[in-house]
Amino acid sequence: MAAVPVWWKAQALAAGLAGRWLDVEAAVQATPPVAMPSDMPPNELWDPLTPEQVGAAYVEALTPTTRSRHGRHYTPPVLAAHLWRLTRKSLEFSPSNRRLPGLIRDPACGAGALLLPALREHLRASYDVDPALVLAGLPNLIEGVDTDPAAVWITNVVLAAEMLPTLARTPDSLRKPLPALARVGDGLAPAERQARVLIMNPPYGRVRLSEEERERYAHVLYGHANLYGLFMAAGVDALDEEGVLAALVPTSFTSGRYFSNLRSHVGRQAAMSAVMFVEDRSGVFTSVLQETCLATFERKKRRKTRITSLGSAEKTIASVKVQKADEPWMLPRRSDDAAVAAAASVMTESLRSFGWKASTGPLVWNRRSDDLYTAWGSNRSHVIWAADLDGGVLHRDKARDAMRYLALTKPSDGKVMVLDQPAVLVQRTTAPEQPRRIVAAHLSQEALAARHGRVTVENHVNVLRPSSPDPVLSLEAMTRLLATKTMDQLIRCISGSVAVSAYELESIPLPDRGVVRAWNDLEGAALEAAVAAAYRPGGDRLAQPGGSVGS
């Protein structure tokens, strides 16, 4: 922070200003949270930094503990720019620069990265307007909120730096200190006025809620509360009648069980008009591990959601029917999956409705490391590891043999840790380089007998079992079905990550009961063809890259 006044002076000089305007504390209506040194020497390394780089330097200076505790992360300029482009499209801006039509608010502004593109466009579009009036009107158009006083001050400085050329065009007699566009506050607090755009990269992480807060957010909660979910809910509620919510969020929002109520609420309030999946997260965030997407939600009625992906280049994937349900949203990540997603999105059956229950293996090995053994014993259970399912055939991975058996030492182990009935086992997590996201193997009665009649499944494996006397598919047929290419395409449309949760498995859409029951008698190529046909009712026409699918 001590270097910011020196950086400011360089920016003001470059804009052709002098005197008081070289002093950031005199030039901007914002007070730094700590006393700034008055004798900092010029720093040639800081002079050429962009406003985004100044903000990034502040976030990077925070300790990892602070970033983790408060869910603070910096938004890379490339993602900020793409999110503003999506927002412009939702606002129906033409390619040329447009003045802002209403208030743009970031309720968790951090160092201001998401507000910079909007401010720049407005200033460019207002070049021919009286510069004094342009500067005076900015507080009505741009607002940042954050709980971190230092981040708020940085935001005010970098936003004000964008105003310097406009200030330089203002007659001396009309120049006033540049407005502070960000304030310290709670971005979740009810807003005094509605916004045309809520743009945000909200903080992540679980949060404890008071009884009053839990009551306020009860309609969007399922289990624990996550900060970004609260910001999404509050954001969509704070929009005006033509408003747009633009956000960077983990892709788990579109499919995870914990966000089912949030999906339903957001979907009812505003249609998701566009989503851009970030293909490669390496280097995108320094401390956030979630798979990332950029999404816009509009108060206006929309029938379609535009889907693109961002990697080394931006790619158009498809345009699909807007989804509003609490169930996982079917959103293809590749154009050749678009037809499958379109067919699945109108299906009303699922593994769950057909009598199947998925659960996560109960063994977290590092919590029971003292109870893991190499050899069998009468009070021990054979452990099945995720690596034992590689290739879709249940086997014994030798690399796990040092921890092959779990000693059943706790009174509850017999009920909690032991599986003694046939099941279908599915890897919960696959490596990015693996060709399939669903890797399943049949735990048959013979396989159980070969393992002394009982097994313990570790928590990187999902257990899929019939929960009704008529599960439509047999265990063997379910294993074959999950091995088809179409099922792998479906799970990629549900979850863009390498993880497959039990909830997502249960939610896989299926055609009518009679169609699925006929799959019991099919294998190999015949099964592949039958399943593919069920999910491509419109033929190859629907699968054209970038084509419009769904109804």
Protein backbone atom coordinates (compact mmCIF):
# COMPACT_ATOMS: atom_id res chain seq x y z
CA MET A 1 0.00 0.00 0.00
CA ALA A 2 2.90 2.33 0.69
CA ALA A 3 3.83 2.21 -3.00
CA VAL A 4 0.35 3.21 -4.23
CA PRO A 5 0.82 7.00 -3.77
CA VAL A 6 4.00 6.80 -5.84
CA TRP A 7 2.13 4.86 -8.55
CA TRP A 8 -0.68 7.42 -8.45
CA LYS A 9 1.72 10.31 -8.97
CA ALA A 10 3.10 8.63 -12.09
CA GLN A 11 -0.42 8.12 -13.49
CA ALA A 12 -1.41 11.73 -12.79
CA LEU A 13 1.74 13.07 -14.43
CA ALA A 14 1.10 10.86 -17.47
CA ALA A 15 -2.41 12.39 -17.73
CA GLY A 16 -0.90 15.89 -17.81
CA LEU A 17 -1.88 16.91 -14.28
CA ALA A 18 0.17 18.71 -11.67
CA GLY A 19 -0.01 20.20 -8.19
CA ARG A 20 -2.53 18.75 -5.73
CA TRP A 21 -3.63 16.13 -8.26
CA LEU A 22 -0.32 14.33 -7.83
CA ASP A 23 -1.22 13.61 -4.19
CA VAL A 24 -3.63 10.69 -4.05
CA GLU A 25 -5.05 11.72 -0.66
CA ALA A 26 -5.91 15.17 -2.00
CA ALA A 27 -7.06 13.97 -5.41
CA VAL A 28 -9.47 11.20 -4.37
CA GLN A 29 -12.34 11.40 -1.90
CA ALA A 30 -11.10 8.31 -0.07
CA THR A 31 -9.04 8.07 3.09
CA PRO A 32 -6.44 5.29 3.29
CA PRO A 33 -6.98 2.91 6.23
CA VAL A 34 -3.45 3.51 7.50
CA ALA A 35 -1.12 6.50 7.44
CA MET A 36 0.76 6.72 4.16
CA PRO A 37 4.49 7.60 4.23
CA SER A 38 5.25 10.97 2.67
CA ASP A 39 8.82 10.27 1.63
CA MET A 40 8.53 7.22 -0.60
CA PRO A 41 11.06 7.52 -3.45
CA PRO A 42 9.98 7.00 -7.08
CA ASN A 43 9.73 3.34 -8.08
CA GLU A 44 10.27 2.66 -11.78
CA LEU A 45 8.98 -0.89 -11.34
CA TRP A 46 5.58 0.37 -10.18
CA ASP A 47 5.14 3.21 -12.68
CA PRO A 48 4.07 1.03 -15.65
CA LEU A 49 1.69 -1.18 -13.64
CA THR A 50 -1.92 -1.30 -14.82
CA PRO A 51 -4.75 -0.77 -12.30
CA GLU A 52 -5.38 -4.53 -12.46
CA GLN A 53 -1.75 -5.23 -11.56
CA VAL A 54 -1.91 -2.85 -8.61
CA GLY A 55 -4.96 -4.74 -7.31
CA ALA A 56 -3.29 -8.08 -7.89
CA ALA A 57 -0.22 -6.91 -5.95
CA TYR A 58 -2.41 -6.15 -2.95
CA VAL A 59 -4.14 -9.55 -2.98
CA GLU A 60 -0.84 -11.36 -3.46
CA ALA A 61 0.58 -9.51 -0.45
CA LEU A 62 -2.07 -11.05 1.79
CA THR A 63 -1.02 -14.15 3.69
CA PRO A 64 -2.40 -17.47 2.43
CA THR A 65 -4.21 -17.83 5.76
CA THR A 66 -5.98 -14.49 5.30
CA ARG A 67 -6.96 -15.31 1.72
CA SER A 68 -8.29 -18.69 2.76
CA ARG A 69 -10.15 -17.49 5.85
CA HIS A 70 -11.97 -14.71 4.02
CA GLY A 71 -12.28 -16.42 0.65
CA ARG A 72 -10.32 -13.62 -1.02
CA HIS A 73 -9.06 -14.18 -4.55
CA TYR A 74 -8.08 -11.85 -7.34
CA THR A 75 -9.98 -11.89 -10.63
CA PRO A 76 -7.58 -12.16 -13.59
CA PRO A 77 -8.09 -9.40 -16.19
CA VAL A 78 -8.93 -11.92 -18.92
CA LEU A 79 -11.86 -13.28 -16.90
CA ALA A 80 -12.98 -9.79 -15.88
CA ALA A 81 -12.99 -8.78 -19.55
CA HIS A 82 -14.94 -11.86 -20.64
CA LEU A 83 -17.50 -11.40 -17.86
CA TRP A 84 -18.08 -7.81 -18.96
CA ARG A 85 -18.49 -8.97 -22.57
CA LEU A 86 -21.18 -11.42 -21.45
CA THR A 87 -22.81 -8.63 -19.45
CA ARG A 88 -22.76 -6.27 -22.45
CA LYS A 89 -24.57 -8.88 -24.51
CA SER A 90 -27.21 -9.27 -21.81
CA LEU A 91 -27.62 -5.48 -21.75
CA GLU A 92 -28.01 -5.62 -25.55
CA PHE A 93 -25.13 -3.21 -26.11
CA SER A 94 -23.98 -2.65 -29.67
CA PRO A 95 -20.30 -3.27 -30.52
CA SER A 96 -19.54 0.43 -30.04
CA ASN A 97 -18.97 1.86 -26.57
CA ARG A 98 -22.12 2.58 -24.58
CA ARG A 99 -22.78 4.69 -21.53
CA LEU A 100 -23.98 2.70 -18.54
CA PRO A 101 -27.80 2.44 -18.40
CA GLY A 102 -28.00 2.17 -14.62
CA LEU A 103 -26.15 1.19 -11.47
CA ILE A 104 -23.39 -1.41 -11.76
CA ARG A 105 -22.65 -2.87 -8.32
CA ASP A 106 -20.00 -5.33 -7.14
CA PRO A 107 -21.00 -6.45 -3.62
CA ALA A 108 -17.62 -8.09 -2.96
CA CYS A 109 -15.39 -5.82 -5.01
CA GLY A 110 -11.98 -6.76 -3.58
CA ALA A 111 -9.49 -4.63 -5.51
CA GLY A 112 -12.02 -3.50 -8.14
CA ALA A 113 -11.07 -5.70 -11.10
CA LEU A 114 -14.67 -6.36 -12.23
CA LEU A 115 -15.67 -2.68 -12.13
CA LEU A 116 -12.78 -1.47 -14.28
CA PRO A 117 -14.10 -2.68 -17.69
CA ALA A 118 -17.52 -1.09 -17.09
CA LEU A 119 -16.01 2.21 -15.96
CA ARG A 120 -13.64 2.32 -18.93
CA GLU A 121 -16.45 1.76 -21.41
CA HIS A 122 -18.61 4.45 -19.82
CA LEU A 123 -15.78 7.00 -19.86
CA ARG A 124 -14.94 6.24 -23.50
CA ALA A 125 -18.60 6.56 -24.50
CA SER A 126 -18.90 9.85 -22.57
CA TYR A 127 -15.90 11.54 -24.15
CA ASP A 128 -18.04 14.19 -25.85
CA VAL A 129 -20.02 14.96 -22.68
CA ASP A 130 -19.04 17.74 -20.26
CA PRO A 131 -16.23 16.01 -18.28
CA ALA A 132 -17.24 17.64 -14.99
CA LEU A 133 -20.76 16.25 -15.36
CA VAL A 134 -19.39 12.82 -16.30
CA LEU A 135 -17.29 12.65 -13.14
CA ALA A 136 -20.11 13.97 -10.94
CA GLY A 137 -22.48 11.28 -12.25
CA LEU A 138 -20.24 8.28 -11.65
CA PRO A 139 -21.42 7.54 -8.05
CA ASN A 140 -24.87 6.88 -9.51
CA LEU A 141 -23.46 4.33 -11.95
CA ILE A 142 -20.61 2.47 -10.25
CA GLU A 143 -20.60 1.04 -6.74
CA GLY A 144 -18.23 -1.33 -5.01
CA VAL A 145 -18.72 -2.80 -1.55
CA ASP A 146 -16.30 -4.82 0.53
CA THR A 147 -15.60 -5.54 4.19
CA ASP A 148 -11.84 -4.97 3.77
CA PRO A 149 -10.97 -1.26 4.23
CA ALA A 150 -7.61 -1.66 2.51
CA ALA A 151 -9.17 -3.34 -0.53
CA VAL A 152 -11.83 -0.62 -0.71
CA TRP A 153 -9.16 2.08 -0.71
CA ILE A 154 -7.22 0.27 -3.45
CA THR A 155 -10.44 0.01 -5.46
CA ASN A 156 -11.11 3.72 -5.09
CA VAL A 157 -7.57 4.58 -6.18
CA VAL A 158 -7.48 2.32 -9.26
CA LEU A 159 -10.95 3.44 -10.36
CA ALA A 160 -9.97 7.07 -9.86
CA ALA A 161 -6.84 6.49 -11.94
CA GLU A 162 -9.14 5.67 -14.86
CA MET A 163 -10.80 9.07 -14.37
CA LEU A 164 -7.55 11.07 -14.61
CA PRO A 165 -7.78 11.78 -18.40
CA THR A 166 -11.36 13.01 -17.89
CA LEU A 167 -10.22 15.19 -15.00
CA ALA A 168 -7.42 16.57 -17.16
CA ARG A 169 -10.04 17.72 -19.72
CA THR A 170 -12.02 19.50 -17.00
CA PRO A 171 -11.34 23.26 -16.66
CA ASP A 172 -9.21 24.07 -13.60
CA SER A 173 -11.99 26.05 -11.97
CA LEU A 174 -14.39 23.09 -12.14
CA ARG A 175 -12.05 20.38 -10.94
CA LYS A 176 -13.07 18.61 -7.76
CA PRO A 177 -11.55 15.63 -5.92
CA LEU A 178 -12.43 12.43 -7.77
CA PRO A 179 -15.38 10.53 -6.32
CA ALA A 180 -14.94 7.41 -4.22
CA LEU A 181 -16.96 4.69 -5.92
CA ALA A 182 -16.38 1.95 -3.34
CA ARG A 183 -17.29 1.81 0.33
CA VAL A 184 -16.68 -0.40 3.32
CA GLY A 185 -19.77 -2.45 4.07
CA ASP A 186 -21.55 -5.78 4.01
CA GLY A 187 -22.30 -6.75 0.44
CA LEU A 188 -25.04 -9.07 1.67
CA ALA A 189 -26.97 -6.30 3.43
CA PRO A 190 -30.25 -5.32 1.75
CA ALA A 191 -29.47 -2.62 -0.82
CA GLU A 192 -31.01 0.84 -0.64
CA ARG A 193 -31.58 0.84 -4.39
CA GLN A 194 -31.84 -1.84 -7.00
CA ALA A 195 -29.10 -2.29 -9.56
CA ARG A 196 -29.19 -2.79 -13.30
CA VAL A 197 -26.16 -5.08 -13.01
CA LEU A 198 -24.78 -7.11 -10.10
CA ILE A 199 -21.31 -8.21 -11.16
CA MET A 200 -19.19 -10.29 -8.82
CA ASN A 201 -16.58 -12.86 -8.06
CA PRO A 202 -17.88 -13.55 -4.55
CA PRO A 203 -15.88 -15.05 -1.70
CA TYR A 204 -16.05 -18.82 -1.27
CA GLY A 205 -16.17 -20.93 1.85
CA ARG A 206 -18.58 -22.22 4.45
CA VAL A 207 -20.00 -19.72 6.88
CA ARG A 208 -21.91 -19.98 10.16
CA LEU A 209 -25.21 -18.13 10.09
CA SER A 210 -27.13 -16.58 12.94
CA GLU A 211 -30.72 -17.68 13.44
CA GLU A 212 -31.89 -14.49 11.74
CA GLU A 213 -29.57 -15.02 8.78
CA ARG A 214 -30.56 -18.67 8.41
CA GLU A 215 -34.20 -17.62 8.33
CA ARG A 216 -33.43 -14.99 5.69
CA TYR A 217 -31.68 -17.51 3.43
CA ALA A 218 -33.71 -20.63 4.29
CA HIS A 219 -35.20 -20.75 0.79
CA VAL A 220 -31.77 -21.16 -0.85
CA LEU A 221 -29.98 -23.37 1.69
CA TYR A 222 -29.45 -27.11 1.69
CA GLY A 223 -27.23 -28.13 4.59
CA HIS A 224 -24.31 -25.81 5.25
CA ALA A 225 -24.17 -22.26 3.89
CA ASN A 226 -21.54 -21.23 1.38
CA LEU A 227 -20.67 -17.54 1.03
CA TYR A 228 -20.88 -17.46 -2.73
CA GLY A 229 -24.35 -19.02 -2.62
CA LEU A 230 -25.54 -16.27 -0.29
CA PHE A 231 -24.09 -13.62 -2.59
CA MET A 232 -25.82 -15.20 -5.60
CA ALA A 233 -29.17 -15.23 -3.80
CA ALA A 234 -28.84 -11.67 -2.49
CA GLY A 235 -27.56 -10.50 -5.88
CA VAL A 236 -30.47 -11.75 -7.95
CA ASP A 237 -32.91 -10.26 -5.42
CA ALA A 238 -31.23 -6.83 -5.70
CA LEU A 239 -31.78 -6.44 -9.47
CA ASP A 240 -34.21 -4.05 -11.06
CA GLU A 241 -36.84 -5.31 -13.52
CA GLU A 242 -34.35 -5.32 -16.41
CA GLY A 243 -31.39 -6.38 -14.29
CA VAL A 244 -28.52 -8.73 -15.02
CA LEU A 245 -26.55 -10.84 -12.54
CA ALA A 246 -23.05 -11.61 -13.84
CA ALA A 247 -20.83 -13.83 -11.73
CA LEU A 248 -17.78 -16.06 -11.61
CA VAL A 249 -18.82 -19.17 -9.73
CA PRO A 250 -17.69 -22.78 -9.32
CA THR A 251 -19.36 -25.16 -11.76
CA SER A 252 -20.68 -27.07 -8.72
CA PHE A 253 -23.44 -24.44 -8.65
CA THR A 254 -24.98 -26.03 -11.75
CA SER A 255 -25.13 -29.57 -10.38
CA GLY A 256 -24.25 -29.99 -6.69
CA ARG A 257 -26.85 -31.10 -4.14
CA TYR A 258 -25.96 -28.27 -1.75
CA PHE A 259 -27.00 -25.71 -4.36
CA SER A 260 -30.26 -27.33 -5.46
CA ASN A 261 -32.46 -24.77 -3.65
CA LEU A 262 -30.24 -21.94 -4.85
CA ARG A 263 -30.56 -23.13 -8.48
CA SER A 264 -34.31 -23.22 -8.12
CA HIS A 265 -34.50 -19.72 -6.61
CA VAL A 266 -32.10 -18.09 -9.07
CA GLY A 267 -33.78 -19.87 -11.99
CA ARG A 268 -37.20 -18.56 -10.98
CA GLN A 269 -35.96 -14.98 -10.59
CA ALA A 270 -33.70 -14.73 -13.64
CA ALA A 271 -32.97 -16.94 -16.64
CA MET A 272 -29.36 -18.02 -17.19
CA SER A 273 -28.75 -16.40 -20.57
CA ALA A 274 -25.10 -17.40 -20.96
CA VAL A 275 -22.47 -19.58 -19.35
CA MET A 276 -18.78 -19.79 -20.21
CA PHE A 277 -16.79 -22.72 -18.83
CA VAL A 278 -13.12 -22.10 -18.08
CA GLU A 279 -11.44 -25.17 -19.51
CA ASP A 280 -8.02 -24.89 -17.90
CA ARG A 281 -7.89 -23.41 -14.43
CA SER A 282 -4.09 -23.70 -14.03
CA GLY A 283 -2.78 -20.23 -13.30
CA VAL A 284 -6.26 -18.69 -13.28
CA PHE A 285 -6.60 -18.51 -9.52
CA THR A 286 -3.71 -18.81 -7.11
CA SER A 287 -5.73 -20.19 -4.21
CA VAL A 288 -9.14 -21.32 -5.46
CA LEU A 289 -9.43 -24.93 -6.56
CA GLN A 290 -13.01 -25.07 -7.81
CA GLU A 291 -13.73 -25.52 -11.48
CA THR A 292 -14.85 -22.12 -12.72
CA CYS A 293 -17.56 -20.75 -14.97
CA LEU A 294 -18.77 -17.29 -15.91
CA ALA A 295 -22.54 -16.89 -16.04
CA THR A 296 -25.14 -14.21 -16.66
CA PHE A 297 -28.73 -14.29 -15.42
CA GLU A 298 -31.38 -11.91 -16.78
CA ARG A 299 -34.69 -10.68 -15.42
CA LYS A 300 -35.93 -10.57 -19.00
CA LYS A 301 -37.59 -13.71 -20.29
CA ARG A 302 -35.11 -15.89 -22.16
CA ARG A 303 -35.71 -19.28 -23.74
CA LYS A 304 -32.11 -20.22 -24.49
CA THR A 305 -28.77 -20.34 -22.70
CA ARG A 306 -25.67 -19.69 -24.80
CA ILE A 307 -22.82 -22.01 -23.85
CA THR A 308 -19.18 -21.31 -24.65
CA SER A 309 -15.83 -22.45 -23.30
CA LEU A 310 -12.65 -20.50 -22.67
CA GLY A 311 -9.27 -22.14 -23.02
CA SER A 312 -6.52 -21.10 -25.38
CA ALA A 313 -9.39 -19.58 -27.39
CA GLU A 314 -13.10 -19.00 -26.93
CA LYS A 315 -15.27 -21.73 -28.47
CA THR A 316 -19.01 -21.76 -29.12
CA ILE A 317 -20.61 -24.98 -27.90
CA ALA A 318 -24.38 -24.72 -28.20
CA SER A 319 -27.55 -22.88 -27.35
CA VAL A 320 -29.78 -24.93 -25.05
CA LYS A 321 -33.13 -24.60 -23.35
CA VAL A 322 -33.03 -22.43 -20.21
CA GLN A 323 -33.17 -24.61 -17.11
CA LYS A 324 -34.71 -23.57 -13.82
CA ALA A 325 -35.21 -26.74 -11.79
CA ASP A 326 -33.38 -27.69 -8.62
CA GLU A 327 -32.10 -30.86 -10.31
CA PRO A 328 -28.64 -30.69 -11.95
CA TRP A 329 -28.69 -28.58 -15.09
CA MET A 330 -27.80 -30.32 -18.35
CA LEU A 331 -25.12 -28.08 -19.87
CA PRO A 332 -22.86 -29.60 -22.54
CA ARG A 333 -19.17 -28.75 -22.31
CA ARG A 334 -18.53 -29.86 -25.91
CA SER A 335 -20.57 -29.32 -29.07
CA ASP A 336 -20.80 -33.05 -29.77
CA ASP A 337 -22.55 -33.52 -26.40
CA ALA A 338 -25.23 -30.93 -27.17
CA ALA A 339 -27.80 -33.32 -28.64
CA VAL A 340 -27.47 -35.68 -25.68
CA ALA A 341 -28.00 -32.79 -23.26
CA ALA A 342 -31.05 -31.58 -25.19
CA ALA A 343 -32.72 -34.99 -25.11
CA ALA A 344 -31.87 -35.55 -21.45
CA SER A 345 -33.14 -32.13 -20.35
CA VAL A 346 -36.75 -33.06 -21.12
CA MET A 347 -36.63 -36.54 -19.54
CA THR A 348 -38.51 -36.89 -16.26
CA GLU A 349 -37.05 -40.20 -15.03
CA SER A 350 -33.67 -40.80 -13.41
CA LEU A 351 -31.66 -43.48 -11.65
CA ARG A 352 -33.30 -42.27 -8.43
CA SER A 353 -36.86 -42.55 -9.72
CA PHE A 354 -36.10 -46.03 -11.07
CA GLY A 355 -35.19 -47.32 -7.64
CA TRP A 356 -31.44 -46.78 -7.32
CA LYS A 357 -29.62 -45.20 -4.40
CA ALA A 358 -26.05 -43.91 -4.53
CA SER A 359 -23.85 -43.29 -1.50
CA THR A 360 -20.21 -42.40 -0.95
CA GLY A 361 -17.85 -45.00 0.46
CA PRO A 362 -17.52 -44.46 4.25
CA LEU A 363 -13.78 -45.09 4.70
CA VAL A 364 -11.59 -41.99 4.96
CA TRP A 365 -8.31 -43.81 5.20
CA ASN A 366 -6.24 -41.19 7.02
CA ARG A 367 -8.79 -41.14 9.84
CA ARG A 368 -8.40 -44.89 10.27
CA SER A 369 -4.75 -45.35 9.29
CA ASP A 370 -3.98 -47.23 12.52
CA ASP A 371 -6.68 -49.79 11.63
CA LEU A 372 -5.39 -50.61 8.15
CA TYR A 373 -3.43 -53.86 7.65
CA THR A 374 -1.77 -55.90 4.96
CA ALA A 375 -3.16 -59.30 5.99
CA TRP A 376 -6.64 -60.69 6.48
CA GLY A 377 -8.03 -61.34 9.94
CA SER A 378 -11.35 -62.51 11.34
CA ASN A 379 -12.26 -59.00 12.53
CA ARG A 380 -11.10 -57.31 9.33
CA SER A 381 -12.81 -56.26 6.11
CA HIS A 382 -11.39 -56.17 2.59
CA VAL A 383 -10.94 -52.55 1.47
CA ILE A 384 -11.92 -51.55 -2.05
CA TRP A 385 -9.96 -48.58 -3.34
CA ALA A 386 -10.75 -46.40 -6.34
CA ALA A 387 -7.71 -47.83 -8.14
CA ASP A 388 -9.30 -51.29 -7.86
CA LEU A 389 -11.91 -50.16 -10.41
CA ASP A 390 -9.50 -48.96 -13.10
CA GLY A 391 -10.55 -50.30 -16.47
CA GLY A 392 -14.11 -50.93 -15.29
CA VAL A 393 -13.27 -54.36 -13.87
CA LEU A 394 -13.01 -55.03 -10.15
CA HIS A 395 -9.50 -56.19 -9.34
CA ARG A 396 -6.84 -55.82 -6.67
CA ASP A 397 -4.45 -52.93 -7.20
CA LYS A 398 -1.14 -54.04 -5.71
CA ALA A 399 -0.14 -50.49 -4.85
CA ARG A 400 -2.90 -50.50 -2.20
CA ASP A 401 -2.07 -53.86 -0.62
CA ALA A 402 -0.23 -52.31 2.32
CA MET A 403 -3.64 -51.00 3.46
CA ARG A 404 -5.82 -53.78 2.12
CA TYR A 405 -7.81 -54.68 5.25
CA LEU A 406 -9.66 -52.54 7.80
CA ALA A 407 -9.85 -53.72 11.42
CA LEU A 408 -13.45 -53.36 12.60
CA THR A 409 -12.64 -51.89 16.01
CA LYS A 410 -15.58 -49.54 16.56
CA PRO A 411 -19.04 -50.69 17.70
CA SER A 412 -20.63 -49.03 14.66
CA ASP A 413 -18.23 -50.53 12.09
CA GLY A 414 -20.42 -53.52 11.37
CA LYS A 415 -23.23 -51.27 10.17
CA VAL A 416 -21.34 -48.28 8.84
CA MET A 417 -18.17 -49.71 7.32
CA VAL A 418 -19.28 -53.08 5.97
CA LEU A 419 -20.90 -53.81 2.60
CA ASP A 420 -22.04 -57.43 2.33
CA GLN A 421 -24.48 -57.19 -0.60
CA PRO A 422 -23.78 -56.97 -4.35
CA ALA A 423 -23.56 -53.45 -5.75
CA VAL A 424 -22.26 -51.33 -8.59
CA LEU A 425 -19.12 -49.40 -7.64
CA VAL A 426 -18.26 -46.12 -9.38
CA GLN A 427 -15.09 -44.06 -9.08
CA ARG A 428 -15.86 -40.69 -7.48
CA THR A 429 -12.85 -38.93 -8.98
CA THR A 430 -11.02 -39.53 -12.22
CA ALA A 431 -7.79 -38.01 -13.49
CA PRO A 432 -8.18 -35.30 -16.18
CA GLU A 433 -6.28 -37.45 -18.66
CA GLN A 434 -8.61 -40.45 -18.21
CA PRO A 435 -10.85 -40.95 -21.27
CA ARG A 436 -13.96 -41.56 -19.13
CA ARG A 437 -15.65 -39.75 -16.25
CA ILE A 438 -17.75 -42.77 -15.26
CA VAL A 439 -15.67 -45.80 -14.33
CA ALA A 440 -17.91 -48.52 -12.89
CA ALA A 441 -17.43 -52.15 -11.85
CA HIS A 442 -19.83 -54.83 -10.62
CA LEU A 443 -19.35 -56.11 -7.08
CA SER A 444 -21.01 -59.48 -7.63
CA GLN A 445 -21.91 -62.18 -5.13
CA GLU A 446 -18.90 -64.15 -6.38
CA ALA A 447 -16.63 -61.13 -5.88
CA LEU A 448 -17.93 -60.73 -2.34
CA ALA A 449 -17.35 -64.39 -1.58
CA ALA A 450 -13.77 -64.10 -2.82
CA ARG A 451 -13.32 -61.27 -0.32
CA HIS A 452 -14.59 -63.21 2.71
CA GLY A 453 -18.16 -62.04 2.22
CA ARG A 454 -17.69 -58.38 3.14
CA VAL A 455 -15.89 -55.29 1.92
CA THR A 456 -15.27 -51.73 3.02
CA VAL A 457 -15.46 -49.05 0.35
CA GLU A 458 -13.18 -46.00 0.59
CA ASN A 459 -14.61 -42.54 0.07
CA HIS A 460 -13.26 -42.04 -3.45
CA VAL A 461 -15.79 -44.64 -4.60
CA ASN A 462 -19.58 -44.33 -4.92
CA VAL A 463 -21.78 -47.32 -4.11
CA LEU A 464 -24.87 -47.75 -6.29
CA ARG A 465 -27.55 -50.18 -5.10
CA PRO A 466 -31.22 -50.91 -5.76
CA SER A 467 -33.49 -49.30 -3.18
CA SER A 468 -36.73 -50.85 -4.41
CA PRO A 469 -37.87 -54.38 -5.33
CA ASP A 470 -38.20 -53.29 -8.98
CA PRO A 471 -35.06 -51.29 -9.89
CA VAL A 472 -35.80 -51.67 -13.65
CA LEU A 473 -32.17 -52.66 -14.39
CA SER A 474 -30.22 -55.53 -12.90
CA LEU A 475 -26.83 -54.90 -11.31
CA GLU A 476 -25.09 -56.37 -14.34
CA ALA A 477 -27.16 -54.29 -16.77
CA MET A 478 -26.55 -51.12 -14.73
CA THR A 479 -22.81 -51.72 -14.89
CA ARG A 480 -22.99 -52.20 -18.66
CA LEU A 481 -25.16 -49.08 -19.05
CA LEU A 482 -22.72 -46.89 -17.12
CA ALA A 483 -19.93 -48.11 -19.39
CA THR A 484 -21.61 -46.74 -22.53
CA LYS A 485 -20.34 -43.66 -24.29
CA THR A 486 -23.69 -41.89 -23.93
CA MET A 487 -23.69 -42.21 -20.13
CA ASP A 488 -20.22 -40.72 -20.06
CA GLN A 489 -21.45 -37.83 -22.21
CA LEU A 490 -24.38 -37.29 -19.84
CA ILE A 491 -22.24 -37.05 -16.73
CA ARG A 492 -19.95 -34.58 -18.50
CA CYS A 493 -23.02 -32.43 -19.21
CA ILE A 494 -24.06 -32.62 -15.55
CA SER A 495 -20.65 -32.08 -13.99
CA GLY A 496 -17.74 -30.32 -15.65
CA SER A 497 -15.30 -31.48 -13.00
CA VAL A 498 -13.38 -34.71 -12.63
CA ALA A 499 -15.54 -35.64 -9.63
CA VAL A 500 -18.84 -37.53 -9.84
CA SER A 501 -20.93 -37.22 -6.69
CA ALA A 502 -23.51 -39.72 -5.50
CA TYR A 503 -26.19 -37.06 -6.00
CA GLU A 504 -25.15 -36.48 -9.61
CA LEU A 505 -25.19 -40.22 -10.28
CA GLU A 506 -28.72 -40.54 -8.95
CA SER A 507 -29.79 -37.57 -11.08
CA ILE A 508 -28.73 -38.99 -14.46
CA PRO A 509 -31.85 -38.56 -16.66
CA LEU A 510 -33.32 -41.70 -18.21
CA PRO A 511 -36.02 -42.37 -20.83
CA ASP A 512 -39.28 -44.16 -20.10
CA ARG A 513 -39.36 -47.32 -17.99
CA GLY A 514 -40.15 -49.61 -20.90
CA VAL A 515 -37.19 -48.33 -22.92
CA VAL A 516 -34.78 -48.78 -20.03
CA ARG A 517 -36.09 -52.21 -19.08
CA ALA A 518 -35.34 -53.47 -22.59
CA TRP A 519 -31.66 -52.66 -22.00
CA ASN A 520 -31.40 -55.58 -19.56
CA ASP A 521 -31.07 -57.96 -22.50
CA LEU A 522 -28.53 -55.94 -24.49
CA GLU A 523 -24.74 -55.93 -24.43
CA GLY A 524 -21.85 -54.46 -26.37
CA ALA A 525 -22.57 -52.65 -29.62
CA ALA A 526 -26.30 -53.38 -29.43
CA LEU A 527 -26.55 -51.65 -26.06
CA GLU A 528 -24.42 -48.72 -27.23
CA ALA A 529 -26.68 -48.21 -30.23
CA ALA A 530 -29.91 -48.48 -28.24
CA VAL A 531 -28.78 -46.00 -25.58
CA ALA A 532 -27.43 -43.57 -28.17
CA ALA A 533 -30.73 -43.69 -30.06
CA ALA A 534 -32.68 -42.90 -26.90
CA TYR A 535 -30.70 -39.70 -26.38
CA ARG A 536 -30.69 -38.52 -30.00
CA PRO A 537 -34.34 -38.27 -30.99
CA GLY A 538 -33.60 -35.42 -33.42
CA GLY A 539 -30.80 -37.17 -35.26
CA ASP A 540 -27.46 -35.67 -36.30
CA ARG A 541 -29.06 -32.31 -37.19
CA LEU A 542 -29.15 -31.33 -33.49
CA ALA A 543 -25.50 -32.07 -32.92
CA GLN A 544 -24.06 -29.43 -35.23
CA PRO A 545 -21.39 -27.39 -33.40
CA GLY A 546 -22.86 -24.15 -32.13
CA GLY A 547 -26.35 -25.24 -33.21
CA SER A 548 -29.50 -24.48 -31.25
CA VAL A 549 -30.79 -27.49 -29.36
CA GLY A 550 -33.67 -28.18 -27.07
CA SER A 551 -37.19 -26.86 -27.22
